[in-house]
Amino acid sequence: MKKGQVLVWMIAVSFIVSLLGINSAVFAQEDTVTIGLNVPLSGSYQLQGEDELRSYKLAIDEVNKKGGILGKKVVYVVKDTQTNATVAGDNARELYTVNNAVMVTGGSSSACAISQGEVAGELKRIFMVGLSHSNATTGFVKNPKTGEEYQAVNRYMFRWYNNGHQTAKAMAKTLLDKFGKDAKYFYITADYTWGWSVERSVKRVLEAAGCQTVGSLLVPLGEKSFVPHLLKAKMAKPDVLVIVEFGNDMINCIKQANSMGLHKEMQVTVPLMELYMAKGAGAEYMQGVIASEIWVWQLQDRYPGSKDYVDKFKARYNKYPGSAAASAWVAINQYADAVERAGTFDAKAVIKALEGHRFTLLKDEEYFRDWDHQTVTSCVILEGKAPSEMVNEWDFFNIIGIVPGEGIARTREENPVKWKAEEQF
């Protein structure tokens, strides 16, 4: 081929590449590795999904600044779960098989987490769970309507976020100290695996202490009007109204409860709070609410890892991260660390590197248990501030307690997980 023909050929190839939107990264795929980000960018948990995505991007950029993972630049593909378990599972399958993701991560629904975990187990790829609070995510699904139960967790799933059992045990002392052992409780609960397990966990702890359940209602995900359910709670005259709702559903429920004056007749508690739920509801509605979280940005005053994370998040986004974002930060950092320690992206080797691993990232020391892949971590107990006490627009709660993880995690007898034969390695 003559020199002029070579030049024409190179120009033609360049033109075709530009038309197809192909960039130089395509020709360096051996130097990149793909992670799938599967988060709710629509549906009831959209706010949490958006916060997760911000944190995933920040974490991946930080990993790449340090040289990537095993020298490979991390690239990512984003999917919207729509807060729908079926969509989440389908997305995960596409991320693993079409996009060749070595790992998928995301939340913010336990049903979505379990659906993605099933795909990960089938394809033998790693799934790092984002925000997922159901006991089932690292244990067993039990449908309260049918009694059907099966083990949801498999060996390819790992969860940092705490679960309903941990929350119930952590909150018990505060609730019993404030309202006594003969207090009456009413539950308004999201009708899916997360809601079922949280309600069951809180009931179990409080009823064992002598408290009385005077009513409980299951409400479909995405409910707009909680008024009929709140009227039943009002008639039952509980001492404590337990709102086991999340995302926009919690925001709607607590606003409607306040507009009916229920906060003046009974204590409102939300077992699982999240920054963007508080922000969506507003300080007026959060005042006096008792809640818990796995992590809050105010921990920057206690732990260097949280200070580093919050500073980086604020510098990039000019806002504070919630616990959904924190779960994303941990997922990326712990996966990257495990691959580096394993010296390979091979899923089995990475699993072994994660199992039993102790780390200090956002709080004090935490660790992934090797037998159910639940992280043993502390739980933060909160009480809503008066608007006049807030130091900024993100400062909704006082920390009234931090309960160590060891005392609230389920025992092996309480969560008898067993890996399948093909998961033994």
Protein backbone atom coordinates (compact mmCIF):
# COMPACT_ATOMS: atom_id res chain seq x y z
CA MET A 1 0.00 0.00 0.00
CA LYS A 2 1.39 3.39 -1.00
CA LYS A 3 1.98 6.18 1.52
CA GLY A 4 -0.94 8.24 0.19
CA GLN A 5 -3.29 5.25 0.34
CA VAL A 6 -2.27 4.55 3.94
CA LEU A 7 -3.07 8.14 4.87
CA VAL A 8 -6.48 7.96 3.19
CA TRP A 9 -7.18 4.64 4.94
CA MET A 10 -6.27 6.09 8.36
CA ILE A 11 -8.49 9.12 7.82
CA ALA A 12 -11.38 6.87 6.76
CA VAL A 13 -11.02 4.67 9.83
CA SER A 14 -10.88 7.74 12.08
CA PHE A 15 -14.04 9.10 10.49
CA ILE A 16 -15.93 5.82 10.95
CA VAL A 17 -14.83 5.56 14.57
CA SER A 18 -16.05 9.09 15.28
CA LEU A 19 -19.40 8.36 13.62
CA LEU A 20 -19.90 5.29 15.76
CA GLY A 21 -19.03 7.16 18.94
CA ILE A 22 -16.11 4.87 19.64
CA ASN A 23 -13.29 6.33 21.69
CA SER A 24 -9.80 5.22 22.54
CA ALA A 25 -11.04 3.31 25.62
CA VAL A 26 -12.46 0.65 23.31
CA PHE A 27 -8.97 -0.15 22.08
CA ALA A 28 -7.66 -0.47 25.61
CA GLN A 29 -10.25 -2.80 27.09
CA GLU A 30 -7.51 -5.03 28.44
CA ASP A 31 -6.54 -2.06 30.67
CA THR A 32 -10.04 -1.53 32.07
CA VAL A 33 -12.45 -3.43 34.26
CA THR A 34 -16.21 -2.86 34.41
CA ILE A 35 -18.41 -2.53 37.49
CA GLY A 36 -22.20 -2.43 37.21
CA LEU A 37 -24.11 0.21 39.19
CA ASN A 38 -27.73 -0.90 39.57
CA VAL A 39 -29.66 1.73 41.52
CA PRO A 40 -33.22 3.12 41.72
CA LEU A 41 -33.30 6.30 39.66
CA SER A 42 -37.10 6.20 39.62
CA GLY A 43 -39.77 4.77 41.91
CA SER A 44 -40.26 5.07 45.67
CA TYR A 45 -36.56 4.96 46.54
CA GLN A 46 -35.27 7.29 43.84
CA LEU A 47 -33.68 9.80 46.24
CA GLN A 48 -31.58 7.08 47.84
CA GLY A 49 -30.58 5.73 44.43
CA GLU A 50 -29.41 9.14 43.27
CA ASP A 51 -27.34 9.54 46.44
CA GLU A 52 -25.82 6.09 45.96
CA LEU A 53 -24.89 6.92 42.39
CA ARG A 54 -23.11 10.11 43.43
CA SER A 55 -21.08 8.13 45.93
CA TYR A 56 -20.32 5.28 43.51
CA LYS A 57 -18.90 7.74 41.01
CA LEU A 58 -16.84 9.48 43.68
CA ALA A 59 -15.48 6.19 45.01
CA ILE A 60 -14.57 4.90 41.55
CA ASP A 61 -12.79 8.16 40.72
CA GLU A 62 -10.84 7.91 43.98
CA VAL A 63 -9.86 4.31 43.20
CA ASN A 64 -8.72 5.33 39.72
CA LYS A 65 -6.65 8.20 41.13
CA LYS A 66 -4.73 5.60 43.11
CA GLY A 67 -4.02 3.52 40.01
CA GLY A 68 -7.26 1.57 39.62
CA ILE A 69 -7.59 -2.04 40.70
CA LEU A 70 -4.60 -4.25 39.93
CA GLY A 71 -3.47 -1.53 37.54
CA LYS A 72 -6.75 -1.54 35.60
CA LYS A 73 -8.88 1.58 35.28
CA VAL A 74 -12.40 1.04 36.63
CA VAL A 75 -15.22 1.95 34.24
CA TYR A 76 -18.89 1.60 35.07
CA VAL A 77 -22.31 1.09 33.52
CA VAL A 78 -25.41 2.51 35.22
CA LYS A 79 -28.85 0.86 35.26
CA ASP A 80 -32.14 2.01 36.82
CA THR A 81 -33.83 -0.66 38.97
CA GLN A 82 -37.00 1.48 39.07
CA THR A 83 -37.34 0.20 42.67
CA ASN A 84 -38.63 -3.00 41.07
CA ALA A 85 -37.18 -6.41 41.92
CA THR A 86 -37.81 -7.94 38.48
CA VAL A 87 -36.17 -5.03 36.68
CA ALA A 88 -33.25 -5.11 39.13
CA GLY A 89 -32.62 -8.79 38.40
CA ASP A 90 -32.86 -8.31 34.65
CA ASN A 91 -30.47 -5.36 34.84
CA ALA A 92 -27.96 -7.39 36.84
CA ARG A 93 -28.03 -10.20 34.30
CA GLU A 94 -27.36 -7.75 31.48
CA LEU A 95 -24.56 -6.06 33.40
CA TYR A 96 -22.83 -9.39 34.04
CA THR A 97 -23.36 -10.99 30.62
CA VAL A 98 -23.52 -8.12 28.11
CA ASN A 99 -21.35 -5.55 29.84
CA ASN A 100 -19.07 -8.20 31.36
CA ALA A 101 -19.11 -6.58 34.81
CA VAL A 102 -16.79 -8.32 37.26
CA MET A 103 -18.96 -7.00 40.06
CA VAL A 104 -22.43 -5.46 40.36
CA THR A 105 -23.49 -3.29 43.26
CA GLY A 106 -26.56 -1.30 44.24
CA GLY A 107 -29.70 -0.76 46.32
CA SER A 108 -31.98 0.61 47.71
CA SER A 109 -34.56 -2.14 48.14
CA SER A 110 -34.10 -5.49 49.81
CA ALA A 111 -36.32 -7.18 47.25
CA CYS A 112 -34.07 -5.70 44.54
CA ALA A 113 -30.97 -6.83 46.42
CA ILE A 114 -32.22 -10.39 46.73
CA SER A 115 -33.18 -10.46 43.05
CA GLN A 116 -29.71 -9.30 42.01
CA GLY A 117 -28.07 -11.71 44.42
CA GLU A 118 -29.90 -14.63 42.84
CA VAL A 119 -28.48 -13.68 39.44
CA ALA A 120 -25.00 -13.23 40.90
CA GLY A 121 -25.13 -16.69 42.48
CA GLU A 122 -26.31 -18.28 39.26
CA LEU A 123 -23.57 -16.60 37.19
CA LYS A 124 -20.94 -16.91 39.93
CA ARG A 125 -20.09 -13.21 39.97
CA ILE A 126 -19.71 -10.89 42.97
CA PHE A 127 -22.64 -8.76 44.14
CA MET A 128 -21.83 -6.08 46.71
CA VAL A 129 -25.15 -5.13 48.29
CA GLY A 130 -25.84 -1.42 48.68
CA LEU A 131 -28.65 -0.16 50.89
CA SER A 132 -30.65 -3.21 51.94
CA HIS A 133 -31.99 -3.62 55.48
CA SER A 134 -34.04 -6.83 55.41
CA ASN A 135 -32.88 -9.75 57.53
CA ALA A 136 -33.46 -11.85 54.43
CA THR A 137 -30.67 -10.27 52.41
CA THR A 138 -28.08 -12.16 54.42
CA GLY A 139 -30.46 -14.84 55.66
CA PHE A 140 -33.92 -16.18 54.96
CA VAL A 141 -37.05 -14.84 53.25
CA LYS A 142 -40.27 -15.65 55.07
CA ASN A 143 -43.56 -14.52 53.58
CA PRO A 144 -45.94 -13.67 56.46
CA LYS A 145 -48.95 -14.41 54.27
CA THR A 146 -47.93 -17.90 53.13
CA GLY A 147 -45.32 -18.91 55.70
CA GLU A 148 -43.02 -19.93 52.85
CA GLU A 149 -39.33 -19.59 53.69
CA TYR A 150 -36.08 -20.05 51.80
CA GLN A 151 -32.46 -18.93 52.12
CA ALA A 152 -31.97 -15.76 50.11
CA VAL A 153 -28.25 -15.19 50.63
CA ASN A 154 -25.65 -17.05 48.60
CA ARG A 155 -21.89 -17.05 48.77
CA TYR A 156 -21.49 -14.43 46.03
CA MET A 157 -23.33 -11.71 48.02
CA PHE A 158 -21.85 -9.42 50.68
CA ARG A 159 -23.65 -6.76 52.70
CA TRP A 160 -22.23 -3.89 54.76
CA TYR A 161 -25.61 -2.39 55.66
CA ASN A 162 -27.15 -3.58 58.92
CA ASN A 163 -30.45 -5.49 59.14
CA GLY A 164 -33.77 -5.36 60.94
CA HIS A 165 -32.61 -7.63 63.75
CA GLN A 166 -29.62 -5.38 64.47
CA THR A 167 -31.84 -2.29 64.39
CA ALA A 168 -34.45 -3.81 66.71
CA LYS A 169 -31.91 -4.88 69.31
CA ALA A 170 -30.09 -1.55 69.10
CA MET A 171 -33.27 0.53 69.52
CA ALA A 172 -34.82 -1.65 72.23
CA LYS A 173 -33.06 -0.05 75.19
CA THR A 174 -33.99 3.48 74.09
CA LEU A 175 -37.63 2.55 73.51
CA LEU A 176 -37.96 0.59 76.74
CA ASP A 177 -36.26 3.32 78.77
CA LYS A 178 -38.51 6.02 77.31
CA PHE A 179 -41.86 4.23 77.23
CA GLY A 180 -41.58 1.33 79.64
CA LYS A 181 -42.19 -2.38 79.33
CA ASP A 182 -45.97 -2.15 79.17
CA ALA A 183 -46.18 0.34 76.28
CA LYS A 184 -48.57 -0.27 73.38
CA TYR A 185 -47.25 -0.27 69.79
CA PHE A 186 -48.92 0.07 66.39
CA TYR A 187 -47.08 -0.75 63.13
CA ILE A 188 -47.57 0.62 59.62
CA THR A 189 -45.35 -1.52 57.42
CA ALA A 190 -44.19 -1.75 53.80
CA ASP A 191 -45.63 -4.94 52.34
CA TYR A 192 -42.51 -6.72 51.10
CA THR A 193 -39.55 -8.60 52.50
CA TRP A 194 -37.87 -5.60 54.14
CA GLY A 195 -40.97 -4.43 55.93
CA TRP A 196 -41.93 -7.93 57.04
CA SER A 197 -38.57 -8.67 58.61
CA VAL A 198 -38.14 -5.29 60.32
CA GLU A 199 -41.61 -5.39 61.86
CA ARG A 200 -41.11 -8.98 62.96
CA SER A 201 -37.73 -8.12 64.52
CA VAL A 202 -38.98 -5.08 66.43
CA LYS A 203 -42.07 -6.92 67.66
CA ARG A 204 -40.02 -9.89 68.82
CA VAL A 205 -37.71 -7.76 70.97
CA LEU A 206 -40.40 -5.50 72.45
CA GLU A 207 -43.00 -8.18 73.08
CA ALA A 208 -40.40 -10.31 74.83
CA ALA A 209 -39.89 -7.38 77.22
CA GLY A 210 -43.64 -7.16 77.91
CA CYS A 211 -44.79 -4.54 75.41
CA GLN A 212 -48.12 -4.97 73.62
CA THR A 213 -48.84 -4.84 69.90
CA VAL A 214 -52.27 -3.23 69.40
CA GLY A 215 -52.26 -3.31 65.61
CA SER A 216 -50.24 -3.70 62.43
CA LEU A 217 -51.03 -2.95 58.82
CA LEU A 218 -49.21 -3.92 55.62
CA VAL A 219 -49.16 -1.18 52.97
CA PRO A 220 -48.21 -1.66 49.29
CA LEU A 221 -45.00 -0.07 48.06
CA GLY A 222 -45.70 3.29 46.44
CA GLU A 223 -48.81 4.09 48.49
CA LYS A 224 -49.81 7.75 48.20
CA SER A 225 -52.48 8.05 50.91
CA PHE A 226 -51.76 6.61 54.35
CA VAL A 227 -54.80 8.32 55.89
CA PRO A 228 -56.99 5.17 56.17
CA HIS A 229 -54.14 3.32 57.88
CA LEU A 230 -53.34 6.23 60.17
CA LEU A 231 -56.99 6.50 61.20
CA LYS A 232 -56.86 2.87 62.36
CA ALA A 233 -53.70 3.67 64.31
CA LYS A 234 -55.43 6.64 65.92
CA MET A 235 -58.37 4.48 67.00
CA ALA A 236 -56.03 1.90 68.54
CA LYS A 237 -54.50 4.59 70.80
CA PRO A 238 -50.94 3.23 70.97
CA ASP A 239 -48.17 4.83 72.95
CA VAL A 240 -45.82 4.44 70.00
CA LEU A 241 -46.51 4.49 66.25
CA VAL A 242 -43.83 2.52 64.38
CA ILE A 243 -43.51 3.56 60.74
CA VAL A 244 -41.73 0.76 58.88
CA GLU A 245 -41.70 2.64 55.59
CA PHE A 246 -38.82 3.92 53.50
CA GLY A 247 -38.04 6.52 50.86
CA ASN A 248 -40.94 8.56 49.52
CA ASP A 249 -43.39 6.25 51.29
CA MET A 250 -41.99 7.22 54.69
CA ILE A 251 -42.06 10.89 53.72
CA ASN A 252 -45.73 10.68 52.75
CA CYS A 253 -46.67 8.66 55.81
CA ILE A 254 -45.00 10.89 58.38
CA LYS A 255 -46.29 14.09 56.79
CA GLN A 256 -49.84 12.76 56.79
CA ALA A 257 -49.48 11.51 60.38
CA ASN A 258 -48.42 14.99 61.49
CA SER A 259 -51.18 16.71 59.55
CA MET A 260 -53.62 14.51 61.50
CA GLY A 261 -51.96 15.52 64.77
CA LEU A 262 -50.85 11.98 65.63
CA HIS A 263 -47.42 13.19 66.75
CA LYS A 264 -49.22 14.93 69.65
CA GLU A 265 -51.06 11.75 70.67
CA MET A 266 -48.31 9.14 70.34
CA GLN A 267 -44.55 8.87 69.91
CA VAL A 268 -43.49 8.39 66.29
CA THR A 269 -40.53 6.14 65.60
CA VAL A 270 -38.96 5.13 62.29
CA PRO A 271 -36.71 2.06 62.72
CA LEU A 272 -34.72 2.87 59.59
CA MET A 273 -34.11 6.53 58.79
CA GLU A 274 -32.06 7.98 55.93
CA LEU A 275 -30.84 11.53 55.33
CA TYR A 276 -32.81 12.13 52.15
CA MET A 277 -35.99 10.90 53.79
CA ALA A 278 -35.49 13.45 56.57
CA LYS A 279 -34.68 16.12 53.98
CA GLY A 280 -37.77 15.24 51.97
CA ALA A 281 -40.04 15.40 55.00
CA GLY A 282 -38.47 18.48 56.56
CA ALA A 283 -37.31 19.42 60.04
CA GLU A 284 -40.83 20.19 61.28
CA TYR A 285 -41.83 16.57 60.75
CA MET A 286 -38.59 15.07 62.04
CA GLN A 287 -38.66 16.86 65.39
CA GLY A 288 -38.90 14.34 68.23
CA VAL A 289 -38.87 11.27 65.94
CA ILE A 290 -36.79 8.37 67.29
CA ALA A 291 -34.92 6.48 64.59
CA SER A 292 -31.75 4.62 63.72
CA GLU A 293 -29.20 4.50 60.92
CA ILE A 294 -26.08 2.54 60.21
CA TRP A 295 -24.19 5.78 59.48
CA VAL A 296 -24.79 9.53 59.57
CA TRP A 297 -22.58 12.34 58.31
CA GLN A 298 -22.23 13.73 61.84
CA LEU A 299 -19.90 10.80 62.56
CA GLN A 300 -17.25 12.95 60.88
CA ASP A 301 -16.70 14.39 64.35
CA ARG A 302 -15.83 10.94 65.73
CA TYR A 303 -14.08 8.98 62.99
CA PRO A 304 -11.30 10.11 60.60
CA GLY A 305 -12.64 7.90 57.81
CA SER A 306 -16.01 9.61 57.93
CA LYS A 307 -14.37 13.04 57.97
CA ASP A 308 -12.33 12.18 54.87
CA TYR A 309 -15.40 10.81 53.06
CA VAL A 310 -17.73 13.70 53.97
CA ASP A 311 -15.12 16.29 52.97
CA LYS A 312 -14.65 14.68 49.55
CA PHE A 313 -18.39 14.28 48.98
CA LYS A 314 -19.14 17.89 49.97
CA ALA A 315 -16.32 19.23 47.82
CA ARG A 316 -17.70 17.46 44.77
CA TYR A 317 -21.46 17.77 45.26
CA ASN A 318 -21.94 20.64 47.75
CA LYS A 319 -24.19 18.49 49.92
CA TYR A 320 -23.90 15.84 52.59
CA PRO A 321 -24.07 12.08 51.93
CA GLY A 322 -26.67 9.84 53.52
CA SER A 323 -26.34 6.23 54.59
CA ALA A 324 -27.33 5.07 51.10
CA ALA A 325 -24.28 6.90 49.76
CA ALA A 326 -22.14 5.46 52.55
CA SER A 327 -23.12 1.93 51.53
CA ALA A 328 -21.89 2.69 48.01
CA TRP A 329 -18.59 4.07 49.32
CA VAL A 330 -17.97 0.92 51.35
CA ALA A 331 -18.96 -1.43 48.50
CA ILE A 332 -16.48 0.02 46.03
CA ASN A 333 -13.64 0.43 48.50
CA GLN A 334 -13.98 -3.01 50.07
CA TYR A 335 -14.30 -4.75 46.71
CA ALA A 336 -11.22 -2.96 45.37
CA ASP A 337 -9.29 -3.79 48.52
CA ALA A 338 -10.29 -7.46 48.37
CA VAL A 339 -9.20 -7.80 44.73
CA GLU A 340 -5.86 -6.20 45.54
CA ARG A 341 -5.33 -8.54 48.48
CA ALA A 342 -6.40 -11.56 46.40
CA GLY A 343 -4.20 -10.47 43.48
CA THR A 344 -6.92 -11.43 41.02
CA PHE A 345 -10.48 -10.61 39.88
CA ASP A 346 -11.43 -14.28 40.14
CA ALA A 347 -14.70 -14.35 42.11
CA LYS A 348 -13.79 -17.29 44.35
CA ALA A 349 -10.50 -15.71 45.38
CA VAL A 350 -12.18 -12.37 46.04
CA ILE A 351 -14.85 -14.07 48.16
CA LYS A 352 -12.18 -15.66 50.32
CA ALA A 353 -10.46 -12.29 50.68
CA LEU A 354 -13.72 -10.69 51.86
CA GLU A 355 -14.80 -13.44 54.24
CA GLY A 356 -13.84 -12.61 57.81
CA HIS A 357 -12.04 -9.47 56.68
CA ARG A 358 -11.76 -6.72 59.29
CA PHE A 359 -11.55 -3.12 58.13
CA THR A 360 -11.76 0.44 59.40
CA LEU A 361 -13.23 2.79 56.81
CA LEU A 362 -16.09 5.01 58.02
CA LYS A 363 -16.42 4.02 61.67
CA ASP A 364 -14.50 1.86 64.06
CA GLU A 365 -13.49 -1.71 63.14
CA GLU A 366 -16.08 -3.73 61.22
CA TYR A 367 -15.93 -7.13 59.56
CA PHE A 368 -17.71 -9.38 57.06
CA ARG A 369 -18.71 -12.66 58.70
CA ASP A 370 -17.50 -15.66 56.72
CA TRP A 371 -20.63 -17.74 57.18
CA ASP A 372 -23.45 -15.37 56.16
CA HIS A 373 -21.56 -12.37 54.70
CA GLN A 374 -23.29 -9.91 57.03
CA THR A 375 -21.08 -7.12 58.32
CA VAL A 376 -20.91 -6.78 62.08
CA THR A 377 -21.18 -3.03 62.57
CA SER A 378 -22.52 -0.50 65.03
CA CYS A 379 -25.97 1.11 64.93
CA VAL A 380 -26.59 4.82 65.52
CA ILE A 381 -29.68 5.84 67.54
CA LEU A 382 -31.16 9.25 66.68
CA GLU A 383 -33.72 11.74 67.92
CA GLY A 384 -35.08 14.52 65.73
CA LYS A 385 -33.93 18.04 66.54
CA ALA A 386 -36.08 21.12 66.83
CA PRO A 387 -35.59 23.27 63.71
CA SER A 388 -34.02 25.98 65.90
CA GLU A 389 -31.25 23.55 66.95
CA MET A 390 -30.10 22.67 63.45
CA VAL A 391 -26.59 23.88 62.55
CA ASN A 392 -27.32 23.57 58.81
CA GLU A 393 -30.05 22.37 56.47
CA TRP A 394 -28.82 18.76 56.71
CA ASP A 395 -28.64 18.57 60.51
CA PHE A 396 -31.89 16.82 61.49
CA PHE A 397 -30.88 14.58 64.38
CA ASN A 398 -29.05 14.34 67.67
CA ILE A 399 -27.04 11.16 68.14
CA ILE A 400 -28.37 9.72 71.40
CA GLY A 401 -26.50 6.44 71.25
CA ILE A 402 -24.10 4.23 69.29
CA VAL A 403 -24.62 0.52 69.92
CA PRO A 404 -21.64 -1.78 69.15
CA GLY A 405 -22.18 -4.39 66.46
CA GLU A 406 -21.15 -7.47 68.43
CA GLY A 407 -24.08 -7.21 70.82
CA ILE A 408 -26.80 -6.87 68.20
CA ALA A 409 -25.80 -9.22 65.35
CA ARG A 410 -27.71 -12.46 64.87
CA THR A 411 -26.02 -15.61 66.08
CA ARG A 412 -25.38 -18.60 63.86
CA GLU A 413 -28.29 -20.34 65.61
CA GLU A 414 -30.58 -17.40 64.81
CA ASN A 415 -29.44 -17.33 61.19
CA PRO A 416 -28.39 -20.88 60.22
CA VAL A 417 -27.08 -20.12 56.74
CA LYS A 418 -25.49 -22.99 54.81
CA TRP A 419 -23.75 -22.65 51.46
CA LYS A 420 -24.87 -24.93 48.65
CA ALA A 421 -22.61 -27.79 47.56
CA GLU A 422 -21.47 -25.85 44.47
CA GLU A 423 -20.58 -22.89 46.71
CA GLN A 424 -18.15 -24.92 48.77
CA PHE A 425 -14.60 -23.98 47.83
